[in-house]
Structure formats: structure tokens, C-alpha cells
N, C-alpha and C. Protein backbone atom coordinates (compact mmCIF):
# COMPACT_ATOMS: atom_id res chain seq x y z
N MET A 1 113.13 86.08 114.50
CA MET A 1 112.31 85.02 113.98
C MET A 1 112.08 85.27 112.49
N ASP A 2 112.28 84.24 111.68
CA ASP A 2 112.05 84.36 110.25
C ASP A 2 110.59 84.07 109.93
N ILE A 3 110.09 84.78 108.94
CA ILE A 3 108.72 84.58 108.48
C ILE A 3 108.78 83.79 107.18
N VAL A 4 107.88 82.84 107.04
CA VAL A 4 107.78 82.05 105.81
C VAL A 4 106.31 82.01 105.38
N GLU A 5 106.11 81.71 104.10
CA GLU A 5 104.78 81.49 103.57
C GLU A 5 104.54 79.99 103.55
N ALA A 6 103.47 79.55 104.20
CA ALA A 6 103.13 78.13 104.21
C ALA A 6 102.01 77.89 103.21
N VAL A 7 102.23 77.00 102.28
CA VAL A 7 101.21 76.67 101.29
C VAL A 7 100.20 75.73 101.95
N LEU A 8 98.96 76.19 102.05
CA LEU A 8 97.92 75.42 102.70
C LEU A 8 96.88 74.90 101.72
N GLY A 9 97.06 75.18 100.45
CA GLY A 9 96.10 74.74 99.45
C GLY A 9 95.14 75.84 99.09
N VAL A 10 94.17 75.53 98.27
CA VAL A 10 93.18 76.50 97.83
C VAL A 10 92.06 76.55 98.87
N LYS A 11 91.81 77.74 99.37
CA LYS A 11 90.74 77.95 100.35
C LYS A 11 89.67 78.80 99.69
N GLU A 12 88.49 78.28 99.60
CA GLU A 12 87.39 79.04 99.05
C GLU A 12 86.47 79.45 100.19
N HIS A 13 86.59 80.71 100.59
CA HIS A 13 85.74 81.26 101.63
C HIS A 13 84.29 81.25 101.17
N GLU A 14 83.41 81.12 102.09
CA GLU A 14 81.98 81.23 101.77
C GLU A 14 81.71 82.60 101.14
N SER A 15 82.46 83.62 101.56
CA SER A 15 82.24 84.97 101.04
C SER A 15 82.54 85.07 99.55
N THR A 16 83.39 84.20 99.02
CA THR A 16 83.70 84.29 97.60
C THR A 16 82.49 83.93 96.76
N LYS A 17 81.55 83.26 97.34
CA LYS A 17 80.32 82.93 96.61
C LYS A 17 79.35 84.10 96.63
N GLN A 18 79.68 85.13 97.39
CA GLN A 18 78.79 86.29 97.53
C GLN A 18 79.34 87.54 96.84
N TYR A 19 80.33 87.39 95.97
CA TYR A 19 80.86 88.56 95.28
C TYR A 19 79.80 89.22 94.41
N ALA A 20 78.80 88.45 94.01
CA ALA A 20 77.73 89.04 93.22
C ALA A 20 77.00 90.09 94.06
N ASP A 21 76.99 89.93 95.37
CA ASP A 21 76.33 90.87 96.27
C ASP A 21 77.26 91.16 97.45
N PRO A 22 78.21 92.09 97.26
CA PRO A 22 79.20 92.35 98.32
C PRO A 22 78.59 92.77 99.65
N GLU A 23 77.42 93.39 99.63
CA GLU A 23 76.81 93.87 100.88
C GLU A 23 76.53 92.72 101.85
N THR A 24 76.32 91.53 101.34
CA THR A 24 75.93 90.40 102.17
C THR A 24 77.04 89.97 103.12
N LEU A 25 78.21 89.62 102.60
CA LEU A 25 79.29 89.13 103.45
C LEU A 25 80.56 89.96 103.36
N LEU A 26 80.85 90.50 102.21
CA LEU A 26 82.14 91.20 102.06
C LEU A 26 82.20 92.51 102.82
N VAL A 27 81.13 93.27 102.84
CA VAL A 27 81.16 94.55 103.54
C VAL A 27 81.37 94.36 105.04
N PRO A 28 80.62 93.48 105.70
CA PRO A 28 80.91 93.26 107.13
C PRO A 28 82.35 92.76 107.36
N MET A 29 82.82 91.90 106.47
CA MET A 29 84.19 91.41 106.59
C MET A 29 85.19 92.56 106.40
N PHE A 30 84.87 93.48 105.50
CA PHE A 30 85.74 94.64 105.28
C PHE A 30 85.95 95.40 106.59
N TYR A 31 84.86 95.68 107.30
CA TYR A 31 84.97 96.43 108.55
C TYR A 31 85.81 95.67 109.58
N GLN A 32 85.62 94.38 109.68
CA GLN A 32 86.39 93.59 110.64
C GLN A 32 87.87 93.58 110.29
N VAL A 33 88.18 93.26 109.05
CA VAL A 33 89.58 93.09 108.65
C VAL A 33 90.29 94.44 108.62
N VAL A 34 89.72 95.41 107.96
CA VAL A 34 90.40 96.70 107.82
C VAL A 34 90.46 97.44 109.15
N GLY A 35 89.41 97.36 109.94
CA GLY A 35 89.45 97.99 111.26
C GLY A 35 90.58 97.43 112.11
N MET A 36 90.70 96.10 112.14
CA MET A 36 91.78 95.47 112.91
C MET A 36 93.14 95.81 112.32
N LEU A 37 93.26 95.76 111.01
CA LEU A 37 94.53 96.09 110.35
C LEU A 37 94.97 97.51 110.70
N PHE A 38 94.06 98.47 110.62
CA PHE A 38 94.39 99.85 110.95
C PHE A 38 94.79 100.00 112.41
N ARG A 39 94.08 99.30 113.29
CA ARG A 39 94.45 99.37 114.71
C ARG A 39 95.85 98.79 114.95
N LEU A 40 96.18 97.71 114.24
CA LEU A 40 97.52 97.12 114.37
C LEU A 40 98.59 98.05 113.80
N ILE A 41 98.29 98.73 112.71
CA ILE A 41 99.24 99.68 112.14
C ILE A 41 99.52 100.80 113.13
N VAL A 42 98.48 101.29 113.78
CA VAL A 42 98.65 102.34 114.80
C VAL A 42 99.46 101.80 115.97
N HIS A 43 99.12 100.61 116.44
CA HIS A 43 99.81 100.01 117.59
C HIS A 43 101.30 99.78 117.30
N TYR A 44 101.63 99.32 116.10
CA TYR A 44 103.02 99.00 115.75
C TYR A 44 103.68 100.09 114.91
N HIS A 45 103.15 101.29 114.98
CA HIS A 45 103.66 102.38 114.14
C HIS A 45 105.17 102.58 114.27
N ASP A 46 105.69 102.61 115.49
CA ASP A 46 107.12 102.85 115.67
C ASP A 46 107.96 101.77 114.99
N TYR A 47 107.55 100.53 115.12
CA TYR A 47 108.27 99.43 114.48
C TYR A 47 108.15 99.53 112.96
N ILE A 48 106.96 99.76 112.47
CA ILE A 48 106.71 99.86 111.03
C ILE A 48 107.53 100.98 110.40
N SER A 49 107.65 102.09 111.11
CA SER A 49 108.38 103.23 110.55
C SER A 49 109.88 102.94 110.36
N LYS A 50 110.39 101.93 111.05
CA LYS A 50 111.81 101.56 110.92
C LYS A 50 112.06 100.53 109.83
N VAL A 51 110.99 99.91 109.33
CA VAL A 51 111.15 98.90 108.28
C VAL A 51 111.54 99.59 106.98
N ASP A 52 112.57 99.06 106.35
CA ASP A 52 113.05 99.66 105.11
C ASP A 52 112.99 98.63 103.99
N GLY A 53 112.12 98.86 103.03
CA GLY A 53 112.05 98.00 101.87
C GLY A 53 111.18 96.77 102.05
N ILE A 54 111.12 96.01 100.99
CA ILE A 54 110.32 94.79 100.96
C ILE A 54 111.26 93.67 100.56
N ARG A 55 111.15 92.55 101.25
CA ARG A 55 112.00 91.43 100.87
C ARG A 55 111.12 90.21 100.61
N PRO A 56 111.57 89.36 99.71
CA PRO A 56 110.77 88.15 99.46
C PRO A 56 110.74 87.25 100.68
N VAL A 57 109.66 86.53 100.81
CA VAL A 57 109.48 85.60 101.92
C VAL A 57 109.55 84.19 101.34
N PRO A 58 110.38 83.33 101.94
CA PRO A 58 110.46 81.96 101.41
C PRO A 58 109.14 81.21 101.56
N ARG A 59 108.85 80.39 100.57
CA ARG A 59 107.62 79.60 100.56
C ARG A 59 107.94 78.17 100.97
N ARG A 60 107.13 77.62 101.87
CA ARG A 60 107.26 76.24 102.30
C ARG A 60 106.10 75.44 101.71
N GLY A 61 106.42 74.49 100.85
CA GLY A 61 105.39 73.69 100.20
C GLY A 61 105.24 74.08 98.74
N ASP A 62 104.52 73.26 98.02
CA ASP A 62 104.29 73.50 96.60
C ASP A 62 102.85 73.95 96.39
N LEU A 63 102.69 74.88 95.47
CA LEU A 63 101.35 75.33 95.15
C LEU A 63 100.60 74.20 94.45
N PRO A 64 99.34 74.00 94.81
CA PRO A 64 98.56 72.93 94.18
C PRO A 64 98.28 73.27 92.71
N ALA A 65 98.08 72.23 91.93
CA ALA A 65 97.81 72.42 90.50
C ALA A 65 96.37 72.87 90.24
N ILE A 66 95.52 72.81 91.24
CA ILE A 66 94.13 73.23 91.04
C ILE A 66 94.01 74.74 91.13
N HIS A 67 92.98 75.26 90.53
CA HIS A 67 92.73 76.70 90.54
C HIS A 67 91.43 76.98 91.29
N PRO A 68 91.34 78.18 91.86
CA PRO A 68 90.09 78.53 92.53
C PRO A 68 88.93 78.55 91.53
N ALA A 69 87.74 78.37 92.03
CA ALA A 69 86.55 78.41 91.18
C ALA A 69 86.37 79.82 90.62
N PRO A 70 85.86 79.94 89.42
CA PRO A 70 85.61 81.26 88.85
C PRO A 70 84.61 82.04 89.72
N LEU A 71 84.78 83.34 89.75
CA LEU A 71 83.90 84.19 90.55
C LEU A 71 82.94 84.93 89.63
N THR A 72 81.74 85.09 90.09
CA THR A 72 80.76 85.88 89.37
C THR A 72 80.57 87.18 90.12
N VAL A 73 80.74 88.28 89.43
CA VAL A 73 80.58 89.59 90.05
C VAL A 73 79.50 90.34 89.28
N ALA A 74 78.49 90.79 89.99
CA ALA A 74 77.43 91.60 89.38
C ALA A 74 77.95 93.03 89.31
N LYS A 75 78.64 93.33 88.22
CA LYS A 75 79.28 94.64 88.09
C LYS A 75 78.28 95.79 88.21
N GLU A 76 77.11 95.61 87.62
CA GLU A 76 76.11 96.68 87.69
C GLU A 76 75.71 96.97 89.13
N GLY A 77 75.56 95.91 89.92
CA GLY A 77 75.18 96.08 91.32
C GLY A 77 76.28 96.76 92.13
N VAL A 78 77.53 96.36 91.91
CA VAL A 78 78.65 96.99 92.62
C VAL A 78 78.76 98.46 92.22
N TYR A 79 78.60 98.72 90.94
CA TYR A 79 78.65 100.09 90.42
C TYR A 79 77.55 100.95 91.06
N THR A 80 76.34 100.40 91.11
CA THR A 80 75.21 101.13 91.69
C THR A 80 75.46 101.41 93.17
N GLN A 81 75.97 100.42 93.90
CA GLN A 81 76.29 100.61 95.31
C GLN A 81 77.36 101.67 95.50
N PHE A 82 78.41 101.61 94.68
CA PHE A 82 79.49 102.60 94.77
C PHE A 82 78.92 104.01 94.62
N ARG A 83 78.12 104.20 93.60
CA ARG A 83 77.58 105.54 93.32
C ARG A 83 76.63 106.00 94.44
N ALA A 84 75.78 105.12 94.93
CA ALA A 84 74.84 105.49 95.99
C ALA A 84 75.57 105.81 97.29
N LYS A 85 76.51 104.96 97.65
CA LYS A 85 77.23 105.14 98.92
C LYS A 85 78.25 106.28 98.86
N TYR A 86 78.74 106.59 97.66
CA TYR A 86 79.68 107.71 97.52
C TYR A 86 79.01 108.99 97.99
N ASP A 87 77.80 109.23 97.54
CA ASP A 87 77.08 110.43 97.97
C ASP A 87 76.79 110.40 99.47
N GLU A 88 76.53 109.21 99.99
CA GLU A 88 76.16 109.08 101.40
C GLU A 88 77.35 109.23 102.34
N PHE A 89 78.52 108.69 101.96
CA PHE A 89 79.65 108.63 102.90
C PHE A 89 80.90 109.40 102.51
N VAL A 90 81.04 109.78 101.24
CA VAL A 90 82.28 110.41 100.82
C VAL A 90 82.10 111.90 100.51
N ARG A 91 81.27 112.18 99.54
CA ARG A 91 81.11 113.55 99.06
C ARG A 91 80.72 114.49 100.21
N GLY A 92 81.61 115.42 100.52
CA GLY A 92 81.35 116.42 101.55
C GLY A 92 81.43 115.90 102.97
N LYS A 93 81.74 114.63 103.17
CA LYS A 93 81.74 114.06 104.51
C LYS A 93 83.11 113.53 104.96
N ALA A 94 83.88 113.01 104.04
CA ALA A 94 85.17 112.40 104.38
C ALA A 94 86.27 113.46 104.22
N THR A 95 86.42 114.29 105.24
CA THR A 95 87.36 115.41 105.15
C THR A 95 88.81 114.94 104.96
N PHE A 96 89.14 113.74 105.42
CA PHE A 96 90.51 113.25 105.26
C PHE A 96 90.86 113.03 103.79
N LEU A 97 89.85 112.98 102.93
CA LEU A 97 90.07 112.78 101.49
C LEU A 97 89.99 114.09 100.70
N ALA A 98 89.88 115.21 101.39
CA ALA A 98 89.59 116.50 100.75
C ALA A 98 90.45 116.77 99.51
N GLU A 99 91.76 116.54 99.60
CA GLU A 99 92.65 116.83 98.47
C GLU A 99 92.40 115.89 97.29
N LEU A 100 91.83 114.74 97.54
CA LEU A 100 91.60 113.75 96.48
C LEU A 100 90.21 113.86 95.86
N VAL A 101 89.32 114.65 96.46
CA VAL A 101 87.93 114.70 96.01
C VAL A 101 87.78 115.04 94.52
N PRO A 102 88.51 115.98 93.96
CA PRO A 102 88.33 116.22 92.52
C PRO A 102 88.59 114.97 91.67
N LYS A 103 89.62 114.22 91.98
CA LYS A 103 89.91 112.98 91.23
C LYS A 103 88.87 111.91 91.54
N LEU A 104 88.46 111.81 92.79
CA LEU A 104 87.44 110.84 93.16
C LEU A 104 86.11 111.16 92.47
N ASP A 105 85.79 112.44 92.38
CA ASP A 105 84.57 112.84 91.68
C ASP A 105 84.63 112.46 90.20
N GLN A 106 85.81 112.52 89.61
CA GLN A 106 85.96 112.10 88.21
C GLN A 106 85.69 110.61 88.07
N VAL A 107 86.17 109.81 89.01
CA VAL A 107 85.90 108.37 89.00
C VAL A 107 84.40 108.15 89.14
N TYR A 108 83.80 108.84 90.08
CA TYR A 108 82.36 108.71 90.33
C TYR A 108 81.54 108.99 89.07
N ALA A 109 81.97 109.96 88.28
CA ALA A 109 81.22 110.39 87.10
C ALA A 109 81.31 109.43 85.92
N LEU A 110 82.23 108.48 85.98
CA LEU A 110 82.41 107.56 84.85
C LEU A 110 81.23 106.60 84.71
N PRO A 111 80.79 106.37 83.47
CA PRO A 111 79.76 105.33 83.28
C PRO A 111 80.40 103.95 83.48
N LEU A 112 79.57 102.96 83.74
CA LEU A 112 80.06 101.61 84.00
C LEU A 112 80.95 101.10 82.88
N ALA A 113 80.59 101.36 81.64
CA ALA A 113 81.37 100.85 80.50
C ALA A 113 82.79 101.41 80.47
N GLU A 114 83.03 102.53 81.12
CA GLU A 114 84.36 103.15 81.14
C GLU A 114 84.96 103.19 82.55
N PHE A 115 84.32 102.56 83.49
CA PHE A 115 84.70 102.71 84.89
C PHE A 115 86.13 102.25 85.14
N SER A 116 86.87 103.10 85.83
CA SER A 116 88.24 102.80 86.22
C SER A 116 88.58 103.61 87.47
N PHE A 117 89.04 102.91 88.49
CA PHE A 117 89.48 103.57 89.73
C PHE A 117 90.99 103.35 89.78
N PRO A 118 91.77 104.37 89.42
CA PRO A 118 93.22 104.20 89.33
C PRO A 118 93.86 103.72 90.63
N LEU A 119 94.78 102.81 90.49
CA LEU A 119 95.47 102.23 91.64
C LEU A 119 96.12 103.32 92.49
N GLU A 120 96.79 104.25 91.89
CA GLU A 120 97.49 105.29 92.65
C GLU A 120 96.50 106.10 93.51
N LEU A 121 95.34 106.40 92.97
CA LEU A 121 94.32 107.12 93.73
C LEU A 121 93.83 106.27 94.90
N TRP A 122 93.68 104.98 94.68
CA TRP A 122 93.29 104.05 95.75
C TRP A 122 94.35 104.02 96.85
N VAL A 123 95.60 103.91 96.46
CA VAL A 123 96.69 103.85 97.44
C VAL A 123 96.73 105.12 98.28
N GLN A 124 96.61 106.26 97.64
CA GLN A 124 96.60 107.52 98.38
C GLN A 124 95.40 107.59 99.33
N SER A 125 94.26 107.09 98.90
CA SER A 125 93.07 107.06 99.76
C SER A 125 93.30 106.17 100.97
N VAL A 126 93.91 105.02 100.77
CA VAL A 126 94.17 104.09 101.87
C VAL A 126 95.10 104.73 102.90
N TYR A 127 96.19 105.32 102.45
CA TYR A 127 97.12 105.93 103.40
C TYR A 127 96.48 107.10 104.14
N ARG A 128 95.67 107.88 103.46
CA ARG A 128 94.98 108.98 104.15
C ARG A 128 94.00 108.42 105.19
N ALA A 129 93.35 107.31 104.86
CA ALA A 129 92.42 106.70 105.82
C ALA A 129 93.17 106.17 107.04
N ILE A 130 94.31 105.54 106.82
CA ILE A 130 95.11 105.04 107.94
C ILE A 130 95.50 106.19 108.86
N ASN A 131 95.98 107.28 108.28
CA ASN A 131 96.40 108.43 109.08
C ASN A 131 95.23 109.04 109.85
N ALA A 132 94.08 109.15 109.20
CA ALA A 132 92.90 109.70 109.86
C ALA A 132 92.45 108.78 110.99
N PHE A 133 92.47 107.48 110.74
CA PHE A 133 92.04 106.49 111.74
C PHE A 133 92.98 106.49 112.94
N ALA A 134 94.25 106.77 112.70
CA ALA A 134 95.23 106.82 113.80
C ALA A 134 94.90 107.96 114.78
N HIS A 135 94.31 109.03 114.26
CA HIS A 135 93.98 110.19 115.10
C HIS A 135 92.57 110.11 115.68
N ASP A 136 91.72 109.33 115.01
CA ASP A 136 90.33 109.25 115.43
C ASP A 136 89.77 107.90 115.00
N ASP A 137 89.73 106.95 115.91
CA ASP A 137 89.25 105.59 115.63
C ASP A 137 87.74 105.66 115.37
N ASP A 138 87.38 106.25 114.23
CA ASP A 138 85.99 106.53 113.90
C ASP A 138 85.56 105.65 112.72
N LEU A 139 84.46 104.96 112.87
CA LEU A 139 83.97 104.09 111.81
C LEU A 139 83.56 104.86 110.56
N LYS A 140 83.34 106.16 110.67
CA LYS A 140 83.01 106.96 109.49
C LYS A 140 84.17 106.96 108.50
N ILE A 141 85.38 106.84 109.00
CA ILE A 141 86.56 106.75 108.12
C ILE A 141 86.49 105.44 107.34
N LEU A 142 86.15 104.36 108.03
CA LEU A 142 86.01 103.07 107.35
C LEU A 142 84.81 103.08 106.41
N ASP A 143 83.75 103.81 106.76
CA ASP A 143 82.60 103.93 105.85
C ASP A 143 83.04 104.50 104.51
N ALA A 144 83.78 105.59 104.56
CA ALA A 144 84.23 106.24 103.32
C ALA A 144 85.19 105.34 102.55
N LEU A 145 86.13 104.72 103.25
CA LEU A 145 87.09 103.86 102.57
C LEU A 145 86.39 102.64 101.97
N ARG A 146 85.39 102.11 102.66
CA ARG A 146 84.64 100.97 102.15
C ARG A 146 83.99 101.29 100.81
N VAL A 147 83.46 102.49 100.69
CA VAL A 147 82.84 102.91 99.42
C VAL A 147 83.90 102.94 98.32
N LEU A 148 85.04 103.52 98.63
CA LEU A 148 86.12 103.60 97.63
C LEU A 148 86.63 102.20 97.31
N TRP A 149 86.70 101.33 98.30
CA TRP A 149 87.12 99.95 98.08
C TRP A 149 86.18 99.26 97.09
N GLN A 150 84.89 99.51 97.20
CA GLN A 150 83.96 98.91 96.25
C GLN A 150 84.25 99.42 94.83
N GLY A 151 84.58 100.70 94.72
CA GLY A 151 84.95 101.24 93.41
C GLY A 151 86.23 100.62 92.90
N ARG A 152 87.22 100.47 93.76
CA ARG A 152 88.48 99.86 93.34
C ARG A 152 88.27 98.38 93.02
N PHE A 153 87.43 97.69 93.79
CA PHE A 153 87.11 96.30 93.52
C PHE A 153 86.50 96.15 92.13
N LEU A 154 85.55 97.00 91.79
CA LEU A 154 84.93 96.96 90.47
C LEU A 154 85.98 97.20 89.39
N SER A 155 86.84 98.16 89.62
CA SER A 155 87.90 98.46 88.65
C SER A 155 88.84 97.27 88.50
N LEU A 156 89.21 96.64 89.60
CA LEU A 156 90.11 95.48 89.55
C LEU A 156 89.46 94.32 88.80
N VAL A 157 88.19 94.11 89.01
CA VAL A 157 87.47 93.06 88.28
C VAL A 157 87.56 93.35 86.78
N ARG A 158 87.30 94.58 86.40
CA ARG A 158 87.35 94.96 84.97
C ARG A 158 88.77 94.82 84.41
N GLU A 159 89.78 95.16 85.22
CA GLU A 159 91.18 95.11 84.77
C GLU A 159 91.67 93.68 84.58
N THR A 160 91.15 92.75 85.37
CA THR A 160 91.70 91.39 85.37
C THR A 160 90.79 90.33 84.75
N GLU A 161 89.61 90.69 84.33
CA GLU A 161 88.63 89.68 83.91
C GLU A 161 89.06 88.85 82.71
N LYS A 162 89.95 89.32 81.90
CA LYS A 162 90.39 88.55 80.73
C LYS A 162 91.76 87.89 80.97
N MET A 163 92.27 88.00 82.19
CA MET A 163 93.58 87.43 82.52
C MET A 163 93.45 85.99 83.00
N THR A 164 94.53 85.25 82.85
CA THR A 164 94.60 83.93 83.48
C THR A 164 94.80 84.15 84.98
N ASP A 165 94.64 83.08 85.75
CA ASP A 165 94.86 83.19 87.20
C ASP A 165 96.27 83.67 87.49
N GLU A 166 97.24 83.14 86.76
CA GLU A 166 98.65 83.51 86.98
C GLU A 166 98.89 84.98 86.63
N GLU A 167 98.32 85.44 85.53
CA GLU A 167 98.48 86.85 85.14
C GLU A 167 97.82 87.77 86.17
N ALA A 168 96.64 87.39 86.63
CA ALA A 168 95.95 88.21 87.63
C ALA A 168 96.73 88.24 88.94
N GLU A 169 97.30 87.11 89.34
CA GLU A 169 98.10 87.07 90.57
C GLU A 169 99.31 87.99 90.47
N ARG A 170 100.00 87.94 89.33
CA ARG A 170 101.15 88.83 89.11
C ARG A 170 100.71 90.30 89.14
N TYR A 171 99.60 90.58 88.51
CA TYR A 171 99.05 91.93 88.44
C TYR A 171 98.77 92.46 89.85
N ILE A 172 98.17 91.62 90.66
CA ILE A 172 97.87 92.02 92.03
C ILE A 172 99.16 92.19 92.85
N GLN A 173 100.09 91.26 92.70
CA GLN A 173 101.37 91.36 93.42
C GLN A 173 102.13 92.64 93.03
N ASP A 174 102.06 93.01 91.76
CA ASP A 174 102.76 94.22 91.30
C ASP A 174 102.20 95.49 91.93
N GLN A 175 100.98 95.45 92.43
CA GLN A 175 100.40 96.62 93.07
C GLN A 175 101.13 96.98 94.37
N LEU A 176 101.79 96.01 94.95
CA LEU A 176 102.57 96.26 96.15
C LEU A 176 103.61 97.35 95.93
N LYS A 177 104.15 97.41 94.72
CA LYS A 177 105.16 98.42 94.40
C LYS A 177 104.60 99.83 94.53
N VAL A 178 103.35 100.01 94.16
CA VAL A 178 102.72 101.33 94.26
C VAL A 178 102.50 101.69 95.73
N PHE A 179 102.07 100.72 96.53
CA PHE A 179 101.93 100.98 97.96
C PHE A 179 103.29 101.33 98.58
N ALA A 180 104.33 100.62 98.18
CA ALA A 180 105.67 100.89 98.71
C ALA A 180 106.15 102.27 98.29
N ALA A 181 105.87 102.66 97.06
CA ALA A 181 106.31 103.97 96.56
C ALA A 181 105.65 105.11 97.32
N HIS A 182 104.47 104.90 97.83
CA HIS A 182 103.73 105.95 98.56
C HIS A 182 103.81 105.79 100.08
N ARG A 183 104.62 104.90 100.53
CA ARG A 183 104.70 104.60 101.97
C ARG A 183 105.04 105.82 102.82
N ARG A 184 105.72 106.76 102.22
CA ARG A 184 106.09 107.98 102.95
C ARG A 184 104.84 108.76 103.42
N MET A 185 103.70 108.46 102.82
CA MET A 185 102.45 109.12 103.23
C MET A 185 102.01 108.66 104.61
N LEU A 186 102.47 107.51 105.07
CA LEU A 186 102.08 107.00 106.38
C LEU A 186 102.70 107.89 107.45
N ALA A 187 101.84 108.60 108.16
CA ALA A 187 102.35 109.58 109.16
C ALA A 187 102.73 108.90 110.46
């Protein structure tokens, strides 16, 4: 069966109006989406391990000329949450991240004006979380990853805030290459 991308238009989730306060809708959605995604990765591990490379998927339909509404992100609030939750869920608690802790601690120590969560560090954290979750379906793994996701989200906002929608979309799509380059980490 061939897979295609169907253009359905611009969908503005109610959650996109809550980016100013991720704790309200995005964090619960994170647990639902990432928890299910990780469980599916574990379930289809044998099939996934045989997939080689990435191929483009044909698009059916034309992209609409309209753009999504601008998002408002309370960077200070996300930064404060990241720092508070890092101590609560990551530092000394997320053993699956042990090798990454020195780099993660460096990210944690950055002031908001210089905040940057490198993509490669995020990708390595995600793969380590997937592997840990495969051995122990424990929400504490998602707790730690959620904190790092908030840090990466803040970094992504800072990285793309001066880009056009098209530039930001390309930037996000290009991140797939980094995930593909580290795919061997998936145990």
C-alpha cells in the first residue's frame, strides 16, 4: 500500500492558542501523543528496524494560500518551567540520560537571553527515552523527556521567530536529517 500526504487545509488546534502556557493543554497532549508513539515504536520495532532510508511521500492536493495565525509564546514562562521541572524530573533522576547530563546541565545553566537546546542533544535524548521506554513503560521517562521537550520547544521558538512560515517549515523539515543520522541509536 502506498502512503500519500493529503492536503486538508490549515488546522488550528485549540492547543495552539495555549502556547503561552504549555502546562494547560500541550503538556497533557505531550503525554498522550508521545506515550502512544513510543508504544507503537516498541510494537513495530522489528518492522522499523528493516526500514532503510527516507523517501519523499507524494502530496495529494494543493497547499492553501492562507497561513496559520501567529503564535504567542511566553518565553519567560516556558524557561521558568523548564528550569523548575529539570530539577524535579531530570537531574539525578533520569538515569537513561546519564551520559548526556553534563551537556544537559550546560543547557540548564544558560540564561534566557542565550538559551539554546541543540538539536543533536534533543535527538539523542529522544532516542534514549524510546529505548528506556521499550524496557520499562514508565511515565517517569516521559516526565523527563517532557521537561527536555519544553527546553527544545523554547529553543526552537528562539531559532525560528524571525523566519517566514516557509523558512520555518524548511528548518523543521531539515531536522529529520539529524534524526535519521542518529537512527542507529534505536535499540
